[in-house]
Every structure is written in structure tokens, then in C-alpha cells.
Amino acid sequence: MYEEKEKTIKELRSAYMGILEILSKYLESADRYTQGHSVRVAHLSEDIARTMELSALEVENIRAAALLHDIGKIEISLDVLHKAAALTDEEKELMDSHSEKGAKIISLVGGVLKEAVPIVSAHHKYFFETEKQSPEKGHVGKEVPLGAAVIAVADAYDAMITDRPYRAGMQPWQAFEEVEKGAGKQFHPGAVKAFKKVLTSKHKYRK
């Protein structure tokens, strides 16, 4: 009886993750530059979280949040999302709001997704090790959920290696070096360290 219940729970979780993955693919299908971005970020975030030896529940919450981390962009016009030229200050502010917009959307669903709300809300917040390092509008590391810090690394890396209308994607090793420069100032040092292990295991960290 217990084994059957456990099996059912695992199947439901698998189906739930599958639905989130389908949703993220659908939301990104209109933009060839971001197609598959959330799925890639989710897989990479999961690898980083496992390498950091987080609990199974934490890993699952991080993966779910990663699949939905850009869902707030559905409230931003396609003209802004697909703009090839530099964004205006107003457009940048609008783009920056997608994290909070996404968190609000997810909070309306509640239930099993409630743990993803603070993660999605903070996935673009900077990680600073000390109050002294934090600029006026910065965010000290203790204020950033660990899941958000993990996704921030994966999100930034995937964005850098992906082609955009205004630039070609970087080589993996170049993107990693950019991420590594931000350890302790923008990114969680532990997440960056785990990220390097993941890339090394996948033979993607090489010049």
C-alpha cells in the first residue's frame, strides 16, 4: 500500500514537471532566440543544485521555479521583448519587472507552486557577501533565496551563450569566465563553484 502511494506521488510529480515544461516551451515558441531557454535553465539549475547536495525537495522546487522564471514576460509587449536595438530606460524598467510579475502570476496558482514564488521573484537580484559591497539598489546575499541564486547562474550563462538579434552567443568557456568574475558580487560563490563542476563534467569548460 505504501509503495503504491509513493509510486503514485512520483508519477504525479513527474506529470506536474512535464506540464510545466510544456508550458515553458509554449510560452517561448514565438521567439527563436529564446526557444528552450527555460528548459535549459531548469536542467542546468537542477544539476547545480544536486552538485551543491541540496535536498530532493529543494531540487524539485528549484527546477519548477526555473521552468517558470520568465513567465512574467507574458505581460510585456512583444515589441519590447523582440527589440533588436538598445532598450530605453522605460523599457529596461519594464523588462526588469518580469520577475515580480511572474511571482504574482505563480502566487495566484498557489498549492505546490508556492515555494517557487520567492525564487522567481528574486532570480535577478544580485548576491553580495557583505553589506559594504552592496550598492544603493543592490541586495545582500542573505536576502536572496538559495534557489534564486542557483537559477541566476544558470540563467545568465544560457543567455550569454545564446545568439541574440544584436549579438552572437559566447563560447561556453567565455560565458563561464564572465559568471566566475561575478562570484560573491553578483552570483552566489557556492553556486558558481558547483556550476564549474557541472560544466567540467559535461566537458563544456575548455578554451
N, C-alpha and C. Protein backbone atom coordinates (compact mmCIF):
# COMPACT_ATOMS: atom_id res chain seq x y z
N MET A 1 0.83 -1.21 0.00
CA MET A 1 0.00 0.00 0.00
C MET A 1 0.87 1.26 0.00
N TYR A 2 1.87 1.29 0.91
CA TYR A 2 2.77 2.44 1.00
C TYR A 2 3.55 2.62 -0.29
N GLU A 3 4.04 1.50 -0.86
CA GLU A 3 4.83 1.56 -2.09
C GLU A 3 3.98 2.08 -3.25
N GLU A 4 2.72 1.65 -3.30
CA GLU A 4 1.82 2.12 -4.35
C GLU A 4 1.56 3.62 -4.23
N LYS A 5 1.42 4.09 -2.98
CA LYS A 5 1.20 5.51 -2.74
C LYS A 5 2.41 6.32 -3.17
N GLU A 6 3.60 5.83 -2.82
CA GLU A 6 4.84 6.50 -3.21
C GLU A 6 4.98 6.56 -4.73
N LYS A 7 4.62 5.46 -5.38
CA LYS A 7 4.69 5.40 -6.84
C LYS A 7 3.74 6.42 -7.47
N THR A 8 2.53 6.53 -6.91
CA THR A 8 1.54 7.48 -7.41
C THR A 8 2.04 8.92 -7.25
N ILE A 9 2.63 9.21 -6.09
CA ILE A 9 3.16 10.55 -5.83
C ILE A 9 4.25 10.89 -6.84
N LYS A 10 5.16 9.94 -7.09
CA LYS A 10 6.24 10.16 -8.05
C LYS A 10 5.70 10.41 -9.45
N GLU A 11 4.66 9.64 -9.81
CA GLU A 11 4.06 9.80 -11.14
C GLU A 11 3.39 11.17 -11.27
N LEU A 12 2.73 11.62 -10.20
CA LEU A 12 2.08 12.93 -10.22
C LEU A 12 3.11 14.05 -10.33
N ARG A 13 4.22 13.90 -9.59
CA ARG A 13 5.28 14.90 -9.66
C ARG A 13 5.91 14.95 -11.05
N SER A 14 6.08 13.78 -11.64
CA SER A 14 6.65 13.71 -12.98
C SER A 14 5.71 14.38 -13.99
N ALA A 15 4.41 14.12 -13.85
CA ALA A 15 3.42 14.72 -14.74
C ALA A 15 3.38 16.24 -14.55
N TYR A 16 3.47 16.66 -13.30
CA TYR A 16 3.45 18.09 -12.97
C TYR A 16 4.64 18.81 -13.59
N MET A 17 5.83 18.21 -13.50
CA MET A 17 7.02 18.80 -14.10
C MET A 17 6.90 18.80 -15.62
N GLY A 18 6.32 17.75 -16.16
CA GLY A 18 6.12 17.66 -17.61
C GLY A 18 5.21 18.76 -18.12
N ILE A 19 4.15 19.04 -17.36
CA ILE A 19 3.22 20.10 -17.73
C ILE A 19 3.91 21.46 -17.69
N LEU A 20 4.72 21.69 -16.66
CA LEU A 20 5.46 22.96 -16.56
C LEU A 20 6.42 23.12 -17.72
N GLU A 21 7.05 22.01 -18.12
CA GLU A 21 8.00 22.06 -19.24
C GLU A 21 7.28 22.38 -20.55
N ILE A 22 6.13 21.76 -20.76
CA ILE A 22 5.33 22.03 -21.96
C ILE A 22 4.90 23.50 -21.98
N LEU A 23 4.47 24.00 -20.82
CA LEU A 23 4.04 25.40 -20.72
C LEU A 23 5.18 26.35 -21.06
N SER A 24 6.36 26.09 -20.52
CA SER A 24 7.50 26.98 -20.79
C SER A 24 7.89 26.95 -22.26
N LYS A 25 7.83 25.77 -22.88
CA LYS A 25 8.15 25.67 -24.31
C LYS A 25 7.14 26.44 -25.15
N TYR A 26 5.87 26.34 -24.76
CA TYR A 26 4.81 27.05 -25.50
C TYR A 26 5.00 28.56 -25.40
N LEU A 27 5.31 29.04 -24.20
CA LEU A 27 5.47 30.48 -23.98
C LEU A 27 6.64 31.05 -24.76
N GLU A 28 7.67 30.22 -25.00
CA GLU A 28 8.86 30.69 -25.69
C GLU A 28 8.86 30.38 -27.19
N SER A 29 7.82 29.72 -27.66
CA SER A 29 7.80 29.24 -29.04
C SER A 29 7.78 30.35 -30.08
N ALA A 30 7.32 31.54 -29.70
CA ALA A 30 7.22 32.64 -30.67
C ALA A 30 8.55 33.34 -30.92
N ASP A 31 9.54 33.07 -30.10
CA ASP A 31 10.83 33.75 -30.23
C ASP A 31 11.94 32.73 -30.44
N ARG A 32 12.51 32.72 -31.64
CA ARG A 32 13.53 31.72 -31.95
C ARG A 32 14.80 31.91 -31.12
N TYR A 33 14.99 33.10 -30.57
CA TYR A 33 16.19 33.36 -29.78
C TYR A 33 16.07 32.83 -28.35
N THR A 34 14.86 32.66 -27.87
CA THR A 34 14.69 32.17 -26.50
C THR A 34 14.01 30.80 -26.43
N GLN A 35 13.78 30.17 -27.58
CA GLN A 35 13.16 28.85 -27.58
C GLN A 35 13.99 27.88 -26.75
N GLY A 36 13.34 27.23 -25.81
CA GLY A 36 14.03 26.23 -25.00
C GLY A 36 14.85 26.80 -23.86
N HIS A 37 14.88 28.12 -23.72
CA HIS A 37 15.71 28.75 -22.68
C HIS A 37 15.34 28.26 -21.28
N SER A 38 14.07 28.29 -20.94
CA SER A 38 13.65 27.92 -19.59
C SER A 38 13.92 26.45 -19.29
N VAL A 39 13.76 25.60 -20.29
CA VAL A 39 14.04 24.17 -20.09
C VAL A 39 15.53 23.96 -19.86
N ARG A 40 16.37 24.64 -20.65
CA ARG A 40 17.82 24.52 -20.46
C ARG A 40 18.23 25.05 -19.08
N VAL A 41 17.65 26.18 -18.70
CA VAL A 41 17.96 26.75 -17.39
C VAL A 41 17.52 25.80 -16.27
N ALA A 42 16.37 25.17 -16.47
CA ALA A 42 15.87 24.23 -15.46
C ALA A 42 16.80 23.03 -15.31
N HIS A 43 17.25 22.46 -16.43
CA HIS A 43 18.16 21.31 -16.36
C HIS A 43 19.48 21.70 -15.71
N LEU A 44 20.02 22.85 -16.09
CA LEU A 44 21.30 23.30 -15.54
C LEU A 44 21.15 23.64 -14.05
N SER A 45 20.06 24.28 -13.69
CA SER A 45 19.81 24.62 -12.29
C SER A 45 19.70 23.35 -11.44
N GLU A 46 19.04 22.35 -12.00
CA GLU A 46 18.90 21.07 -11.30
C GLU A 46 20.28 20.44 -11.08
N ASP A 47 21.12 20.46 -12.10
CA ASP A 47 22.47 19.90 -11.98
C ASP A 47 23.29 20.65 -10.91
N ILE A 48 23.18 21.96 -10.91
CA ILE A 48 23.91 22.78 -9.93
C ILE A 48 23.41 22.46 -8.52
N ALA A 49 22.10 22.40 -8.36
CA ALA A 49 21.51 22.13 -7.05
C ALA A 49 21.92 20.76 -6.52
N ARG A 50 21.93 19.77 -7.39
CA ARG A 50 22.36 18.42 -6.98
C ARG A 50 23.83 18.42 -6.60
N THR A 51 24.64 19.14 -7.37
CA THR A 51 26.08 19.22 -7.06
C THR A 51 26.31 19.90 -5.72
N MET A 52 25.44 20.83 -5.36
CA MET A 52 25.52 21.51 -4.06
C MET A 52 24.94 20.65 -2.94
N GLU A 53 24.46 19.46 -3.32
CA GLU A 53 23.90 18.49 -2.38
C GLU A 53 22.68 19.04 -1.62
N LEU A 54 21.84 19.75 -2.34
CA LEU A 54 20.59 20.21 -1.75
C LEU A 54 19.62 19.04 -1.66
N SER A 55 18.60 19.18 -0.83
CA SER A 55 17.64 18.09 -0.65
C SER A 55 16.83 17.87 -1.92
N ALA A 56 16.22 16.69 -2.01
CA ALA A 56 15.41 16.36 -3.19
C ALA A 56 14.28 17.36 -3.37
N LEU A 57 13.68 17.79 -2.25
CA LEU A 57 12.58 18.76 -2.33
C LEU A 57 13.08 20.11 -2.82
N GLU A 58 14.24 20.54 -2.34
CA GLU A 58 14.81 21.81 -2.79
C GLU A 58 15.12 21.77 -4.28
N VAL A 59 15.68 20.65 -4.72
CA VAL A 59 16.00 20.48 -6.14
C VAL A 59 14.73 20.58 -6.98
N GLU A 60 13.68 19.92 -6.52
CA GLU A 60 12.41 19.93 -7.25
C GLU A 60 11.82 21.34 -7.32
N ASN A 61 11.87 22.06 -6.20
CA ASN A 61 11.35 23.44 -6.18
C ASN A 61 12.15 24.35 -7.10
N ILE A 62 13.46 24.15 -7.14
CA ILE A 62 14.32 24.96 -8.00
C ILE A 62 14.02 24.68 -9.46
N ARG A 63 13.84 23.41 -9.79
CA ARG A 63 13.54 23.05 -11.17
C ARG A 63 12.20 23.66 -11.61
N ALA A 64 11.20 23.58 -10.74
CA ALA A 64 9.88 24.15 -11.07
C ALA A 64 9.99 25.66 -11.27
N ALA A 65 10.70 26.32 -10.36
CA ALA A 65 10.86 27.77 -10.46
C ALA A 65 11.63 28.16 -11.72
N ALA A 66 12.62 27.35 -12.07
CA ALA A 66 13.42 27.64 -13.27
C ALA A 66 12.57 27.54 -14.53
N LEU A 67 11.69 26.56 -14.57
CA LEU A 67 10.81 26.41 -15.74
C LEU A 67 9.87 27.61 -15.89
N LEU A 68 9.57 28.26 -14.77
CA LEU A 68 8.62 29.37 -14.80
C LEU A 68 9.27 30.73 -14.55
N HIS A 69 10.61 30.78 -14.52
CA HIS A 69 11.27 32.03 -14.10
C HIS A 69 10.98 33.22 -15.01
N ASP A 70 10.65 32.98 -16.26
CA ASP A 70 10.37 34.09 -17.19
C ASP A 70 8.90 34.23 -17.54
N ILE A 71 8.03 33.57 -16.77
CA ILE A 71 6.60 33.59 -17.11
C ILE A 71 6.02 35.00 -17.05
N GLY A 72 6.64 35.88 -16.26
CA GLY A 72 6.16 37.26 -16.17
C GLY A 72 6.27 38.03 -17.47
N LYS A 73 7.06 37.51 -18.40
CA LYS A 73 7.23 38.20 -19.69
C LYS A 73 5.98 38.15 -20.55
N ILE A 74 5.02 37.31 -20.18
CA ILE A 74 3.77 37.28 -20.95
C ILE A 74 3.00 38.60 -20.78
N GLU A 75 3.36 39.39 -19.77
CA GLU A 75 2.71 40.68 -19.55
C GLU A 75 3.50 41.84 -20.15
N ILE A 76 4.55 41.50 -20.92
CA ILE A 76 5.37 42.52 -21.57
C ILE A 76 5.16 42.42 -23.08
N SER A 77 5.04 43.54 -23.75
CA SER A 77 4.73 43.53 -25.18
C SER A 77 5.83 42.85 -25.99
N LEU A 78 5.42 42.22 -27.10
CA LEU A 78 6.38 41.55 -27.97
C LEU A 78 7.35 42.54 -28.60
N ASP A 79 6.90 43.76 -28.81
CA ASP A 79 7.78 44.79 -29.38
C ASP A 79 9.00 45.01 -28.50
N VAL A 80 8.79 45.01 -27.21
CA VAL A 80 9.89 45.20 -26.26
C VAL A 80 10.73 43.93 -26.17
N LEU A 81 10.07 42.79 -26.07
CA LEU A 81 10.78 41.51 -25.93
C LEU A 81 11.66 41.21 -27.14
N HIS A 82 11.21 41.58 -28.33
CA HIS A 82 11.92 41.24 -29.57
C HIS A 82 12.74 42.41 -30.13
N LYS A 83 12.83 43.48 -29.40
CA LYS A 83 13.53 44.67 -29.90
C LYS A 83 15.02 44.38 -30.10
N ALA A 84 15.52 44.65 -31.30
CA ALA A 84 16.93 44.38 -31.61
C ALA A 84 17.84 45.50 -31.14
N ALA A 85 17.32 46.71 -31.09
CA ALA A 85 18.13 47.87 -30.66
C ALA A 85 18.15 47.94 -29.13
N ALA A 86 18.97 48.85 -28.62
CA ALA A 86 19.08 49.03 -27.17
C ALA A 86 17.74 49.49 -26.60
N LEU A 87 17.40 49.00 -25.42
CA LEU A 87 16.14 49.38 -24.78
C LEU A 87 16.26 50.76 -24.15
N THR A 88 15.16 51.48 -24.13
CA THR A 88 15.13 52.76 -23.43
C THR A 88 15.09 52.49 -21.93
N ASP A 89 15.29 53.51 -21.12
CA ASP A 89 15.25 53.34 -19.67
C ASP A 89 13.88 52.82 -19.23
N GLU A 90 12.85 53.32 -19.86
CA GLU A 90 11.49 52.88 -19.53
C GLU A 90 11.29 51.41 -19.89
N GLU A 91 11.82 51.02 -21.05
CA GLU A 91 11.69 49.62 -21.48
C GLU A 91 12.51 48.69 -20.59
N LYS A 92 13.68 49.15 -20.16
CA LYS A 92 14.51 48.35 -19.24
C LYS A 92 13.78 48.12 -17.93
N GLU A 93 13.14 49.17 -17.45
CA GLU A 93 12.38 49.07 -16.20
C GLU A 93 11.23 48.08 -16.36
N LEU A 94 10.60 48.10 -17.51
CA LEU A 94 9.51 47.17 -17.80
C LEU A 94 10.03 45.74 -17.85
N MET A 95 11.16 45.53 -18.52
CA MET A 95 11.76 44.20 -18.60
C MET A 95 12.16 43.71 -17.21
N ASP A 96 12.73 44.60 -16.42
CA ASP A 96 13.16 44.22 -15.07
C ASP A 96 11.99 43.80 -14.18
N SER A 97 10.79 44.26 -14.54
CA SER A 97 9.61 43.95 -13.72
C SER A 97 9.10 42.53 -13.93
N HIS A 98 9.67 41.79 -14.91
CA HIS A 98 9.11 40.47 -15.22
C HIS A 98 9.25 39.48 -14.06
N SER A 99 10.25 39.67 -13.22
CA SER A 99 10.42 38.77 -12.08
C SER A 99 9.25 38.89 -11.10
N GLU A 100 8.92 40.13 -10.76
CA GLU A 100 7.80 40.35 -9.84
C GLU A 100 6.47 39.98 -10.48
N LYS A 101 6.34 40.28 -11.77
CA LYS A 101 5.11 39.91 -12.48
C LYS A 101 4.93 38.39 -12.46
N GLY A 102 6.03 37.68 -12.71
CA GLY A 102 5.98 36.22 -12.70
C GLY A 102 5.63 35.66 -11.34
N ALA A 103 6.21 36.24 -10.30
CA ALA A 103 5.93 35.79 -8.93
C ALA A 103 4.45 35.97 -8.59
N LYS A 104 3.87 37.08 -9.05
CA LYS A 104 2.45 37.33 -8.79
C LYS A 104 1.56 36.32 -9.51
N ILE A 105 1.94 36.00 -10.75
CA ILE A 105 1.17 35.02 -11.52
C ILE A 105 1.20 33.66 -10.81
N ILE A 106 2.38 33.24 -10.38
CA ILE A 106 2.53 31.94 -9.73
C ILE A 106 1.82 31.92 -8.38
N SER A 107 1.84 33.05 -7.67
CA SER A 107 1.20 33.11 -6.35
C SER A 107 -0.31 32.90 -6.46
N LEU A 108 -0.88 33.26 -7.60
CA LEU A 108 -2.32 33.06 -7.81
C LEU A 108 -2.66 31.58 -7.93
N VAL A 109 -1.68 30.79 -8.40
CA VAL A 109 -1.88 29.34 -8.52
C VAL A 109 -1.77 28.69 -7.15
N GLY A 110 -0.75 29.11 -6.38
CA GLY A 110 -0.56 28.58 -5.03
C GLY A 110 -0.25 27.10 -5.03
N GLY A 111 -0.72 26.40 -4.02
CA GLY A 111 -0.50 24.96 -3.93
C GLY A 111 0.96 24.57 -3.97
N VAL A 112 1.28 23.59 -4.80
CA VAL A 112 2.65 23.08 -4.88
C VAL A 112 3.63 24.10 -5.44
N LEU A 113 3.11 25.15 -6.07
CA LEU A 113 3.99 26.16 -6.66
C LEU A 113 4.34 27.30 -5.69
N LYS A 114 3.79 27.27 -4.48
CA LYS A 114 4.02 28.39 -3.56
C LYS A 114 5.50 28.56 -3.23
N GLU A 115 6.26 27.46 -3.21
CA GLU A 115 7.69 27.56 -2.89
C GLU A 115 8.48 28.23 -4.03
N ALA A 116 7.89 28.25 -5.22
CA ALA A 116 8.58 28.85 -6.37
C ALA A 116 8.44 30.37 -6.39
N VAL A 117 7.47 30.90 -5.67
CA VAL A 117 7.19 32.35 -5.71
C VAL A 117 8.40 33.20 -5.31
N PRO A 118 8.98 33.00 -4.11
CA PRO A 118 10.14 33.84 -3.73
C PRO A 118 11.36 33.61 -4.61
N ILE A 119 11.47 32.41 -5.16
CA ILE A 119 12.61 32.09 -6.03
C ILE A 119 12.50 32.87 -7.34
N VAL A 120 11.32 32.82 -7.96
CA VAL A 120 11.10 33.55 -9.21
C VAL A 120 11.23 35.05 -8.99
N SER A 121 10.70 35.53 -7.88
CA SER A 121 10.75 36.96 -7.58
C SER A 121 12.18 37.48 -7.47
N ALA A 122 13.10 36.64 -6.97
CA ALA A 122 14.47 37.10 -6.68
C ALA A 122 15.54 36.62 -7.65
N HIS A 123 15.15 35.98 -8.75
CA HIS A 123 16.18 35.34 -9.58
C HIS A 123 17.08 36.32 -10.33
N HIS A 124 16.74 37.61 -10.34
CA HIS A 124 17.62 38.61 -10.95
C HIS A 124 18.27 39.53 -9.91
N LYS A 125 18.06 39.24 -8.64
CA LYS A 125 18.69 40.05 -7.60
C LYS A 125 20.15 39.66 -7.44
N TYR A 126 20.98 40.64 -7.22
CA TYR A 126 22.42 40.40 -7.06
C TYR A 126 22.71 39.77 -5.70
N PHE A 127 23.73 38.92 -5.68
CA PHE A 127 24.19 38.32 -4.43
C PHE A 127 25.43 39.07 -3.97
N PHE A 128 25.36 39.68 -2.79
CA PHE A 128 26.52 40.36 -2.21
C PHE A 128 26.84 39.71 -0.88
N GLU A 129 28.13 39.39 -0.66
CA GLU A 129 28.52 38.69 0.55
C GLU A 129 28.48 39.59 1.79
N THR A 130 28.68 40.88 1.62
CA THR A 130 28.68 41.79 2.75
C THR A 130 27.84 43.02 2.46
N GLU A 131 27.35 43.64 3.49
CA GLU A 131 26.54 44.87 3.35
C GLU A 131 27.36 45.97 2.69
N LYS A 132 28.67 45.98 2.98
CA LYS A 132 29.56 47.01 2.46
C LYS A 132 29.64 46.96 0.94
N GLN A 133 29.58 45.74 0.38
CA GLN A 133 29.68 45.58 -1.08
C GLN A 133 28.42 46.04 -1.79
N SER A 134 27.30 45.99 -1.09
CA SER A 134 26.01 46.22 -1.73
C SER A 134 25.80 47.69 -2.07
N PRO A 135 25.56 48.00 -3.35
CA PRO A 135 25.28 49.38 -3.75
C PRO A 135 23.89 49.79 -3.27
N GLU A 136 23.53 51.01 -3.54
CA GLU A 136 22.26 51.55 -3.05
C GLU A 136 21.07 50.67 -3.40
N LYS A 137 21.07 50.15 -4.62
CA LYS A 137 19.93 49.34 -5.05
C LYS A 137 20.29 47.86 -5.11
N GLY A 138 21.40 47.46 -4.48
CA GLY A 138 21.82 46.06 -4.51
C GLY A 138 21.07 45.23 -3.49
N HIS A 139 21.42 43.97 -3.41
CA HIS A 139 20.75 43.06 -2.50
C HIS A 139 21.78 42.16 -1.83
N VAL A 140 21.77 42.13 -0.52
CA VAL A 140 22.70 41.30 0.22
C VAL A 140 22.32 39.84 0.06
N GLY A 141 23.32 38.96 0.01
CA GLY A 141 23.09 37.55 -0.26
C GLY A 141 22.06 36.88 0.62
N LYS A 142 22.03 37.25 1.91
CA LYS A 142 21.09 36.59 2.82
C LYS A 142 19.63 36.87 2.45
N GLU A 143 19.41 37.90 1.65
CA GLU A 143 18.05 38.24 1.23
C GLU A 143 17.63 37.47 -0.02
N VAL A 144 18.57 36.81 -0.65
CA VAL A 144 18.29 36.08 -1.89
C VAL A 144 18.14 34.60 -1.58
N PRO A 145 16.97 34.00 -1.85
CA PRO A 145 16.80 32.56 -1.63
C PRO A 145 17.86 31.78 -2.41
N LEU A 146 18.34 30.70 -1.83
CA LEU A 146 19.38 29.92 -2.49
C LEU A 146 18.93 29.44 -3.86
N GLY A 147 17.67 29.07 -3.97
CA GLY A 147 17.15 28.62 -5.26
C GLY A 147 17.26 29.70 -6.32
N ALA A 148 16.98 30.94 -5.93
CA ALA A 148 17.10 32.07 -6.86
C ALA A 148 18.54 32.28 -7.26
N ALA A 149 19.47 32.09 -6.31
CA ALA A 149 20.90 32.26 -6.60
C ALA A 149 21.39 31.20 -7.59
N VAL A 150 20.86 29.99 -7.47
CA VAL A 150 21.21 28.91 -8.39
C VAL A 150 20.70 29.23 -9.79
N ILE A 151 19.44 29.62 -9.88
CA ILE A 151 18.84 29.94 -11.18
C ILE A 151 19.53 31.14 -11.82
N ALA A 152 19.95 32.10 -11.02
CA ALA A 152 20.63 33.29 -11.55
C ALA A 152 21.87 32.92 -12.34
N VAL A 153 22.63 31.95 -11.83
CA VAL A 153 23.84 31.49 -12.52
C VAL A 153 23.48 30.81 -13.83
N ALA A 154 22.54 29.87 -13.78
CA ALA A 154 22.15 29.13 -14.98
C ALA A 154 21.52 30.05 -16.02
N ASP A 155 20.70 30.98 -15.57
CA ASP A 155 20.01 31.91 -16.47
C ASP A 155 21.01 32.82 -17.19
N ALA A 156 21.95 33.37 -16.44
CA ALA A 156 22.95 34.27 -17.03
C ALA A 156 23.82 33.53 -18.03
N TYR A 157 24.23 32.32 -17.68
CA TYR A 157 25.09 31.53 -18.57
C TYR A 157 24.38 31.21 -19.88
N ASP A 158 23.15 30.72 -19.78
CA ASP A 158 22.42 30.36 -21.00
C ASP A 158 22.16 31.58 -21.87
N ALA A 159 21.88 32.71 -21.24
CA ALA A 159 21.65 33.94 -22.01
C ALA A 159 22.91 34.35 -22.76
N MET A 160 24.07 34.17 -22.12
CA MET A 160 25.33 34.60 -22.75
C MET A 160 25.74 33.71 -23.92
N ILE A 161 25.43 32.41 -23.85
CA ILE A 161 25.87 31.51 -24.93
C ILE A 161 24.84 31.42 -26.07
N THR A 162 23.70 32.08 -25.89
CA THR A 162 22.64 32.04 -26.89
C THR A 162 22.71 33.27 -27.80
N ASP A 163 22.55 33.06 -29.10
CA ASP A 163 22.52 34.18 -30.05
C ASP A 163 21.35 35.11 -29.76
N ARG A 164 21.56 36.37 -29.99
CA ARG A 164 20.51 37.38 -29.86
C ARG A 164 20.49 38.19 -31.15
N PRO A 165 19.41 38.94 -31.42
CA PRO A 165 19.35 39.73 -32.66
C PRO A 165 20.51 40.71 -32.78
N TYR A 166 21.02 41.18 -31.64
CA TYR A 166 22.06 42.21 -31.63
C TYR A 166 23.46 41.69 -31.36
N ARG A 167 23.63 40.36 -31.12
CA ARG A 167 24.97 39.81 -30.88
C ARG A 167 24.96 38.30 -31.01
N ALA A 168 26.16 37.76 -31.28
CA ALA A 168 26.31 36.31 -31.32
C ALA A 168 26.55 35.79 -29.91
N GLY A 169 26.20 34.54 -29.67
CA GLY A 169 26.42 33.96 -28.36
C GLY A 169 27.91 33.72 -28.09
N MET A 170 28.28 33.75 -26.82
CA MET A 170 29.67 33.50 -26.43
C MET A 170 29.98 32.00 -26.48
N GLN A 171 31.26 31.68 -26.47
CA GLN A 171 31.69 30.30 -26.28
C GLN A 171 31.43 29.95 -24.81
N PRO A 172 31.14 28.67 -24.50
CA PRO A 172 30.86 28.28 -23.11
C PRO A 172 31.92 28.73 -22.11
N TRP A 173 33.20 28.56 -22.46
CA TRP A 173 34.26 28.93 -21.51
C TRP A 173 34.29 30.43 -21.27
N GLN A 174 33.96 31.21 -22.32
CA GLN A 174 33.93 32.67 -22.16
C GLN A 174 32.80 33.08 -21.21
N ALA A 175 31.64 32.44 -21.41
CA ALA A 175 30.49 32.75 -20.56
C ALA A 175 30.77 32.36 -19.12
N PHE A 176 31.42 31.20 -18.93
CA PHE A 176 31.74 30.80 -17.56
C PHE A 176 32.66 31.81 -16.89
N GLU A 177 33.66 32.28 -17.61
CA GLU A 177 34.59 33.25 -17.03
C GLU A 177 33.87 34.53 -16.61
N GLU A 178 32.86 34.92 -17.38
CA GLU A 178 32.06 36.09 -17.01
C GLU A 178 31.28 35.83 -15.72
N VAL A 179 30.72 34.62 -15.62
CA VAL A 179 29.99 34.25 -14.41
C VAL A 179 30.94 34.21 -13.22
N GLU A 180 32.11 33.61 -13.42
CA GLU A 180 33.08 33.47 -12.33
C GLU A 180 33.53 34.84 -11.80
N LYS A 181 33.64 35.82 -12.69
CA LYS A 181 34.03 37.17 -12.26
C LYS A 181 33.01 37.76 -11.29
N GLY A 182 31.77 37.31 -11.42
CA GLY A 182 30.71 37.86 -10.57
C GLY A 182 30.50 37.12 -9.27
N ALA A 183 31.28 36.07 -9.01
CA ALA A 183 31.13 35.29 -7.78
C ALA A 183 31.35 36.17 -6.56
N GLY A 184 30.38 36.19 -5.66
CA GLY A 184 30.48 36.99 -4.44
C GLY A 184 30.06 38.43 -4.61
N LYS A 185 29.84 38.84 -5.85
CA LYS A 185 29.43 40.22 -6.13
C LYS A 185 28.07 40.27 -6.82
N GLN A 186 27.85 39.30 -7.67
CA GLN A 186 26.54 39.18 -8.34
C GLN A 186 25.97 37.79 -8.13
N PHE A 187 26.85 36.80 -8.13
CA PHE A 187 26.41 35.41 -8.02
C PHE A 187 26.90 34.76 -6.73
N HIS A 188 26.13 33.81 -6.25
CA HIS A 188 26.46 33.04 -5.04
C HIS A 188 27.74 32.23 -5.31
N PRO A 189 28.80 32.40 -4.51
CA PRO A 189 30.07 31.69 -4.75
C PRO A 189 29.90 30.18 -4.78
N GLY A 190 29.06 29.64 -3.89
CA GLY A 190 28.85 28.20 -3.86
C GLY A 190 28.17 27.70 -5.13
N ALA A 191 27.24 28.49 -5.65
CA ALA A 191 26.55 28.11 -6.88
C ALA A 191 27.51 28.15 -8.07
N VAL A 192 28.40 29.14 -8.08
CA VAL A 192 29.39 29.25 -9.16
C VAL A 192 30.36 28.08 -9.11
N LYS A 193 30.79 27.71 -7.91
CA LYS A 193 31.71 26.58 -7.74
C LYS A 193 31.07 25.29 -8.23
N ALA A 194 29.82 25.08 -7.86
CA ALA A 194 29.10 23.88 -8.30
C ALA A 194 28.88 23.91 -9.81
N PHE A 195 28.60 25.08 -10.32
CA PHE A 195 28.39 25.27 -11.76
C PHE A 195 29.64 24.86 -12.55
N LYS A 196 30.81 25.24 -12.05
CA LYS A 196 32.05 24.87 -12.73
C LYS A 196 32.21 23.35 -12.77
N LYS A 197 31.85 22.68 -11.68
CA LYS A 197 31.93 21.22 -11.63
C LYS A 197 30.99 20.60 -12.66
N VAL A 198 29.81 21.19 -12.79
CA VAL A 198 28.84 20.68 -13.77
C VAL A 198 29.37 20.83 -15.18
N LEU A 199 29.90 22.01 -15.51
CA LEU A 199 30.43 22.24 -16.85
C LEU A 199 31.61 21.33 -17.14
N THR A 200 32.48 21.15 -16.14
CA THR A 200 33.65 20.28 -16.32
C THR A 200 33.21 18.85 -16.61
N SER A 201 32.19 18.39 -15.89
CA SER A 201 31.70 17.02 -16.09
C SER A 201 31.07 16.84 -17.46
N LYS A 202 30.56 17.94 -18.02
CA LYS A 202 29.94 17.88 -19.35
C LYS A 202 30.93 18.27 -20.45
N HIS A 203 32.19 18.48 -20.06
CA HIS A 203 33.27 18.84 -21.00
C HIS A 203 32.98 20.12 -21.76
N LYS A 204 32.31 21.06 -21.08
CA LYS A 204 32.00 22.33 -21.73
C LYS A 204 32.90 23.47 -21.26
N TYR A 205 33.74 23.16 -20.26
CA TYR A 205 34.63 24.22 -19.78
C TYR A 205 36.01 24.00 -20.37
N ARG A 206 36.22 24.56 -21.53
CA ARG A 206 37.52 24.46 -22.18
C ARG A 206 37.65 25.59 -23.19
N LYS A 207 38.88 26.03 -23.37
CA LYS A 207 39.14 27.11 -24.33
C LYS A 207 39.43 26.53 -25.69
